[in-house]
Amino acid sequence: MICPHCNKRNYPGIDSCSNCKLDLSSFDVPVAHDRVERSLMEDPVGVVKPPPAVILHASTPVSKALDIMIDQNIGALLVVDDQNKMLGIFSERDMLNHVLDDPTDYAEKPISDYMTEEPETVRTTDRLAFVLHKMDNGGYRHLPVLKDGKPIAMISVRDMLKHILYLCNTH
């Protein structure tokens, strides 16, 4: 980065100019080069219009949860308690990693036995780049979307890809 005060070339990411000590942190802001980058940096989750979350009670049998996931072609659903407080997420990964490893008959056991507790979440106001960052860092394909602390939707990698492809294919 070139210091706007003294024109000294500095190493990228440095906080202050090595010559005049001017604070450079406010100048080191990413710049969007196209519609996709601009959308990822500026648009909130709501722009993607993630589908409403499918919400099941913690006592729902695994067999019913799997039927719903297959019928609705979804990869994850949210698990709530009697007061509709989110307890966790039950995903395809939970099925593969937890249910199939259980030597007992899992079909009638509650999904709460196999769900991932306290999943990472995003808010409707979070930027899309933040969502992708969370998905990438955590290895998640689905993230619950919260509004005022309540789950309202589920955003997936597929939703993000559709949004990006839409931006790439429109003018």
C-alpha atoms as a PDB file:
ATOM      1  CA  MET A   1       0.000   0.000   0.000  1.00  0.00           C
ATOM      2  CA  ILE A   2       1.226   3.478  -0.845  1.00  0.00           C
ATOM      3  CA  CYS A   3       0.852   5.998   1.981  1.00  0.00           C
ATOM      4  CA  PRO A   4      -1.474   8.826   0.868  1.00  0.00           C
ATOM      5  CA  HIS A   5       0.475  11.276   3.053  1.00  0.00           C
ATOM      6  CA  CYS A   6       4.142  10.657   2.167  1.00  0.00           C
ATOM      7  CA  ASN A   7       3.865   8.316  -0.879  1.00  0.00           C
ATOM      8  CA  LYS A   8       6.021   5.657   0.810  1.00  0.00           C
ATOM      9  CA  ARG A   9       5.366   2.108  -0.417  1.00  0.00           C
ATOM     10  CA  ASN A  10       4.457  -0.141   2.529  1.00  0.00           C
ATOM     11  CA  TYR A  11       3.923  -3.869   2.892  1.00  0.00           C
ATOM     12  CA  PRO A  12       0.314  -4.977   2.291  1.00  0.00           C
ATOM     13  CA  GLY A  13      -1.684  -5.278   5.521  1.00  0.00           C
ATOM     14  CA  ILE A  14       0.602  -3.013   7.566  1.00  0.00           C
ATOM     15  CA  ASP A  15      -1.325  -0.878  10.079  1.00  0.00           C
ATOM     16  CA  SER A  16       0.749   2.292   9.876  1.00  0.00           C
ATOM     17  CA  CYS A  17       3.156   3.839   7.388  1.00  0.00           C
ATOM     18  CA  SER A  18       6.735   2.763   8.041  1.00  0.00           C
ATOM     19  CA  ASN A  19       7.900   6.293   7.151  1.00  0.00           C
ATOM     20  CA  CYS A  20       5.433   8.847   8.576  1.00  0.00           C
ATOM     21  CA  LYS A  21       3.460   6.520  10.930  1.00  0.00           C
ATOM     22  CA  LEU A  22       0.084   7.520   9.424  1.00  0.00           C
ATOM     23  CA  ASP A  23      -2.639   5.046  10.396  1.00  0.00           C
ATOM     24  CA  LEU A  24      -3.307   3.075   7.190  1.00  0.00           C
ATOM     25  CA  SER A  25      -5.955   0.690   8.551  1.00  0.00           C
ATOM     26  CA  SER A  26      -8.875   2.800   7.298  1.00  0.00           C
ATOM     27  CA  PHE A  27      -7.424   2.772   3.768  1.00  0.00           C
ATOM     28  CA  ASP A  28      -7.093  -1.017   3.602  1.00  0.00           C
ATOM     29  CA  VAL A  29     -10.716  -1.710   2.674  1.00  0.00           C
ATOM     30  CA  PRO A  30     -11.578  -4.365   0.074  1.00  0.00           C
ATOM     31  CA  VAL A  31     -13.002  -3.058  -3.186  1.00  0.00           C
ATOM     32  CA  ALA A  32     -15.581  -4.961  -5.197  1.00  0.00           C
ATOM     33  CA  HIS A  33     -14.542  -5.525  -8.790  1.00  0.00           C
ATOM     34  CA  ASP A  34     -17.820  -6.946 -10.141  1.00  0.00           C
ATOM     35  CA  ARG A  35     -21.478  -7.569  -9.299  1.00  0.00           C
ATOM     36  CA  VAL A  36     -20.776 -10.824  -7.495  1.00  0.00           C
ATOM     37  CA  GLU A  37     -18.124  -9.332  -5.216  1.00  0.00           C
ATOM     38  CA  ARG A  38     -20.304  -6.281  -4.585  1.00  0.00           C
ATOM     39  CA  SER A  39     -23.252  -8.476  -3.633  1.00  0.00           C
ATOM     40  CA  LEU A  40     -21.153 -10.647  -1.326  1.00  0.00           C
ATOM     41  CA  MET A  41     -19.679  -7.601   0.414  1.00  0.00           C
ATOM     42  CA  GLU A  42     -22.825  -5.464   0.659  1.00  0.00           C
ATOM     43  CA  ASP A  43     -25.972  -7.597   0.495  1.00  0.00           C
ATOM     44  CA  PRO A  44     -27.587  -9.110   3.589  1.00  0.00           C
ATOM     45  CA  VAL A  45     -28.821 -12.698   3.844  1.00  0.00           C
ATOM     46  CA  GLY A  46     -32.359 -11.648   2.915  1.00  0.00           C
ATOM     47  CA  VAL A  47     -31.324 -10.931  -0.683  1.00  0.00           C
ATOM     48  CA  VAL A  48     -30.841 -14.665  -1.248  1.00  0.00           C
ATOM     49  CA  LYS A  49     -34.403 -15.332   0.014  1.00  0.00           C
ATOM     50  CA  PRO A  50     -33.497 -18.503   1.903  1.00  0.00           C
ATOM     51  CA  PRO A  51     -36.442 -20.874   2.333  1.00  0.00           C
ATOM     52  CA  PRO A  52     -38.278 -21.034   5.647  1.00  0.00           C
ATOM     53  CA  ALA A  53     -36.666 -23.452   8.065  1.00  0.00           C
ATOM     54  CA  VAL A  54     -38.336 -26.808   8.518  1.00  0.00           C
ATOM     55  CA  ILE A  55     -38.719 -27.060  12.266  1.00  0.00           C
ATOM     56  CA  LEU A  56     -39.396 -30.262  14.207  1.00  0.00           C
ATOM     57  CA  HIS A  57     -39.826 -30.983  17.882  1.00  0.00           C
ATOM     58  CA  ALA A  58     -36.909 -32.664  19.653  1.00  0.00           C
ATOM     59  CA  SER A  59     -39.003 -35.788  20.269  1.00  0.00           C
ATOM     60  CA  THR A  60     -39.680 -36.367  16.551  1.00  0.00           C
ATOM     61  CA  PRO A  61     -38.542 -39.872  15.554  1.00  0.00           C
ATOM     62  CA  VAL A  62     -35.540 -40.096  13.238  1.00  0.00           C
ATOM     63  CA  SER A  63     -37.632 -42.028  10.685  1.00  0.00           C
ATOM     64  CA  LYS A  64     -40.142 -39.145  10.407  1.00  0.00           C
ATOM     65  CA  ALA A  65     -37.352 -36.555  10.150  1.00  0.00           C
ATOM     66  CA  LEU A  66     -35.706 -38.521   7.338  1.00  0.00           C
ATOM     67  CA  ASP A  67     -39.032 -38.865   5.498  1.00  0.00           C
ATOM     68  CA  ILE A  68     -39.531 -35.096   5.687  1.00  0.00           C
ATOM     69  CA  MET A  69     -35.987 -34.406   4.476  1.00  0.00           C
ATOM     70  CA  ILE A  70     -36.464 -36.743   1.509  1.00  0.00           C
ATOM     71  CA  ASP A  71     -39.984 -35.509   0.649  1.00  0.00           C
ATOM     72  CA  GLN A  72     -38.970 -31.833   0.794  1.00  0.00           C
ATOM     73  CA  ASN A  73     -35.517 -32.360  -0.745  1.00  0.00           C
ATOM     74  CA  ILE A  74     -33.734 -30.600   2.110  1.00  0.00           C
ATOM     75  CA  GLY A  75     -30.437 -31.421   3.760  1.00  0.00           C
ATOM     76  CA  ALA A  76     -31.116 -30.102   7.254  1.00  0.00           C
ATOM     77  CA  LEU A  77     -33.879 -29.169   9.645  1.00  0.00           C
ATOM     78  CA  LEU A  78     -34.055 -27.345  12.946  1.00  0.00           C
ATOM     79  CA  VAL A  79     -34.859 -28.978  16.267  1.00  0.00           C
ATOM     80  CA  VAL A  80     -36.833 -27.076  18.925  1.00  0.00           C
ATOM     81  CA  ASP A  81     -38.116 -27.689  22.444  1.00  0.00           C
ATOM     82  CA  ASP A  82     -41.665 -27.274  23.814  1.00  0.00           C
ATOM     83  CA  GLN A  83     -41.247 -23.470  23.894  1.00  0.00           C
ATOM     84  CA  ASN A  84     -39.988 -23.416  20.284  1.00  0.00           C
ATOM     85  CA  LYS A  85     -36.481 -22.553  21.432  1.00  0.00           C
ATOM     86  CA  MET A  86     -33.894 -23.806  18.953  1.00  0.00           C
ATOM     87  CA  LEU A  87     -31.919 -26.695  20.411  1.00  0.00           C
ATOM     88  CA  GLY A  88     -29.991 -27.855  17.400  1.00  0.00           C
ATOM     89  CA  ILE A  89     -29.834 -28.874  13.768  1.00  0.00           C
ATOM     90  CA  PHE A  90     -30.328 -32.325  12.270  1.00  0.00           C
ATOM     91  CA  SER A  91     -28.554 -32.719   8.937  1.00  0.00           C
ATOM     92  CA  GLU A  92     -27.503 -35.301   6.397  1.00  0.00           C
ATOM     93  CA  ARG A  93     -24.106 -35.239   8.093  1.00  0.00           C
ATOM     94  CA  ASP A  94     -25.696 -36.119  11.446  1.00  0.00           C
ATOM     95  CA  MET A  95     -27.392 -39.033   9.734  1.00  0.00           C
ATOM     96  CA  LEU A  96     -24.130 -40.313   8.305  1.00  0.00           C
ATOM     97  CA  ASN A  97     -21.909 -39.613  11.310  1.00  0.00           C
ATOM     98  CA  HIS A  98     -24.209 -40.431  14.215  1.00  0.00           C
ATOM     99  CA  VAL A  99     -27.285 -42.394  13.227  1.00  0.00           C
ATOM    100  CA  LEU A 100     -25.608 -44.954  11.013  1.00  0.00           C
ATOM    101  CA  ASP A 101     -22.935 -45.585  13.653  1.00  0.00           C
ATOM    102  CA  ASP A 102     -25.641 -46.514  16.189  1.00  0.00           C
ATOM    103  CA  PRO A 103     -25.970 -50.316  16.354  1.00  0.00           C
ATOM    104  CA  THR A 104     -29.452 -50.048  17.915  1.00  0.00           C
ATOM    105  CA  ASP A 105     -32.677 -49.436  16.058  1.00  0.00           C
ATOM    106  CA  TYR A 106     -32.555 -45.674  15.498  1.00  0.00           C
ATOM    107  CA  ALA A 107     -35.797 -45.258  13.513  1.00  0.00           C
ATOM    108  CA  GLU A 108     -38.012 -44.482  16.499  1.00  0.00           C
ATOM    109  CA  LYS A 109     -35.427 -42.682  18.604  1.00  0.00           C
ATOM    110  CA  PRO A 110     -35.817 -38.883  18.888  1.00  0.00           C
ATOM    111  CA  ILE A 111     -33.783 -36.672  16.585  1.00  0.00           C
ATOM    112  CA  SER A 112     -32.477 -34.872  19.660  1.00  0.00           C
ATOM    113  CA  ASP A 113     -30.317 -37.954  20.290  1.00  0.00           C
ATOM    114  CA  TYR A 114     -28.466 -37.342  17.015  1.00  0.00           C
ATOM    115  CA  MET A 115     -28.698 -33.599  16.308  1.00  0.00           C
ATOM    116  CA  THR A 116     -25.836 -31.129  16.454  1.00  0.00           C
ATOM    117  CA  GLU A 117     -26.455 -28.937  19.483  1.00  0.00           C
ATOM    118  CA  GLU A 118     -26.050 -25.157  19.451  1.00  0.00           C
ATOM    119  CA  PRO A 119     -25.277 -24.814  15.748  1.00  0.00           C
ATOM    120  CA  GLU A 120     -23.611 -21.778  14.253  1.00  0.00           C
ATOM    121  CA  THR A 121     -26.209 -19.301  13.021  1.00  0.00           C
ATOM    122  CA  VAL A 122     -26.421 -16.138  10.961  1.00  0.00           C
ATOM    123  CA  ARG A 123     -28.776 -13.168  11.194  1.00  0.00           C
ATOM    124  CA  THR A 124     -30.910 -11.704   8.438  1.00  0.00           C
ATOM    125  CA  THR A 125     -28.698  -8.602   8.554  1.00  0.00           C
ATOM    126  CA  ASP A 126     -25.382 -10.452   8.107  1.00  0.00           C
ATOM    127  CA  ARG A 127     -23.564  -9.911   4.814  1.00  0.00           C
ATOM    128  CA  LEU A 128     -23.262 -12.783   2.345  1.00  0.00           C
ATOM    129  CA  ALA A 129     -19.451 -12.812   2.591  1.00  0.00           C
ATOM    130  CA  PHE A 130     -19.807 -13.414   6.329  1.00  0.00           C
ATOM    131  CA  VAL A 131     -22.169 -16.339   5.653  1.00  0.00           C
ATOM    132  CA  LEU A 132     -19.755 -17.902   3.155  1.00  0.00           C
ATOM    133  CA  HIS A 133     -16.889 -17.385   5.581  1.00  0.00           C
ATOM    134  CA  LYS A 134     -18.788 -19.206   8.344  1.00  0.00           C
ATOM    135  CA  MET A 135     -19.743 -22.019   5.975  1.00  0.00           C
ATOM    136  CA  ASP A 136     -16.187 -22.433   4.750  1.00  0.00           C
ATOM    137  CA  ASN A 137     -14.471 -22.217   8.144  1.00  0.00           C
ATOM    138  CA  GLY A 138     -16.898 -24.595   9.825  1.00  0.00           C
ATOM    139  CA  GLY A 139     -17.417 -26.950   6.906  1.00  0.00           C
ATOM    140  CA  TYR A 140     -21.174 -26.290   7.060  1.00  0.00           C
ATOM    141  CA  ARG A 141     -23.575 -26.680   4.167  1.00  0.00           C
ATOM    142  CA  HIS A 142     -26.539 -25.255   6.091  1.00  0.00           C
ATOM    143  CA  LEU A 143     -26.854 -22.402   8.571  1.00  0.00           C
ATOM    144  CA  PRO A 144     -30.001 -21.400  10.471  1.00  0.00           C
ATOM    145  CA  VAL A 145     -31.023 -17.793   9.855  1.00  0.00           C
ATOM    146  CA  LEU A 146     -32.224 -15.888  12.906  1.00  0.00           C
ATOM    147  CA  LYS A 147     -34.339 -12.767  13.156  1.00  0.00           C
ATOM    148  CA  ASP A 148     -34.706 -11.264  16.615  1.00  0.00           C
ATOM    149  CA  GLY A 149     -33.127 -14.434  17.992  1.00  0.00           C
ATOM    150  CA  LYS A 150     -35.754 -16.741  16.448  1.00  0.00           C
ATOM    151  CA  PRO A 151     -35.050 -19.183  13.594  1.00  0.00           C
ATOM    152  CA  ILE A 152     -36.895 -18.148  10.449  1.00  0.00           C
ATOM    153  CA  ALA A 153     -34.974 -19.723   7.578  1.00  0.00           C
ATOM    154  CA  MET A 154     -32.155 -22.041   6.584  1.00  0.00           C
ATOM    155  CA  ILE A 155     -29.508 -20.843   4.149  1.00  0.00           C
ATOM    156  CA  SER A 156     -27.495 -23.419   2.258  1.00  0.00           C
ATOM    157  CA  VAL A 157     -24.478 -23.534   0.006  1.00  0.00           C
ATOM    158  CA  ARG A 158     -26.929 -24.329  -2.794  1.00  0.00           C
ATOM    159  CA  ASP A 159     -28.821 -21.072  -2.078  1.00  0.00           C
ATOM    160  CA  MET A 160     -25.562 -19.115  -2.223  1.00  0.00           C
ATOM    161  CA  LEU A 161     -24.522 -20.762  -5.505  1.00  0.00           C
ATOM    162  CA  LYS A 162     -27.908 -20.014  -7.092  1.00  0.00           C
ATOM    163  CA  HIS A 163     -27.555 -16.369  -6.081  1.00  0.00           C
ATOM    164  CA  ILE A 164     -24.038 -16.116  -7.501  1.00  0.00           C
ATOM    165  CA  LEU A 165     -25.055 -17.833 -10.735  1.00  0.00           C
ATOM    166  CA  TYR A 166     -28.032 -15.495 -11.068  1.00  0.00           C
ATOM    167  CA  LEU A 167     -25.704 -12.492 -10.755  1.00  0.00           C
ATOM    168  CA  CYS A 168     -23.306 -13.963 -13.314  1.00  0.00           C
ATOM    169  CA  ASN A 169     -26.059 -14.642 -15.861  1.00  0.00           C
ATOM    170  CA  THR A 170     -27.933 -11.329 -15.697  1.00  0.00           C
ATOM    171  CA  HIS A 171     -26.846  -7.946 -16.913  1.00  0.00           C
END
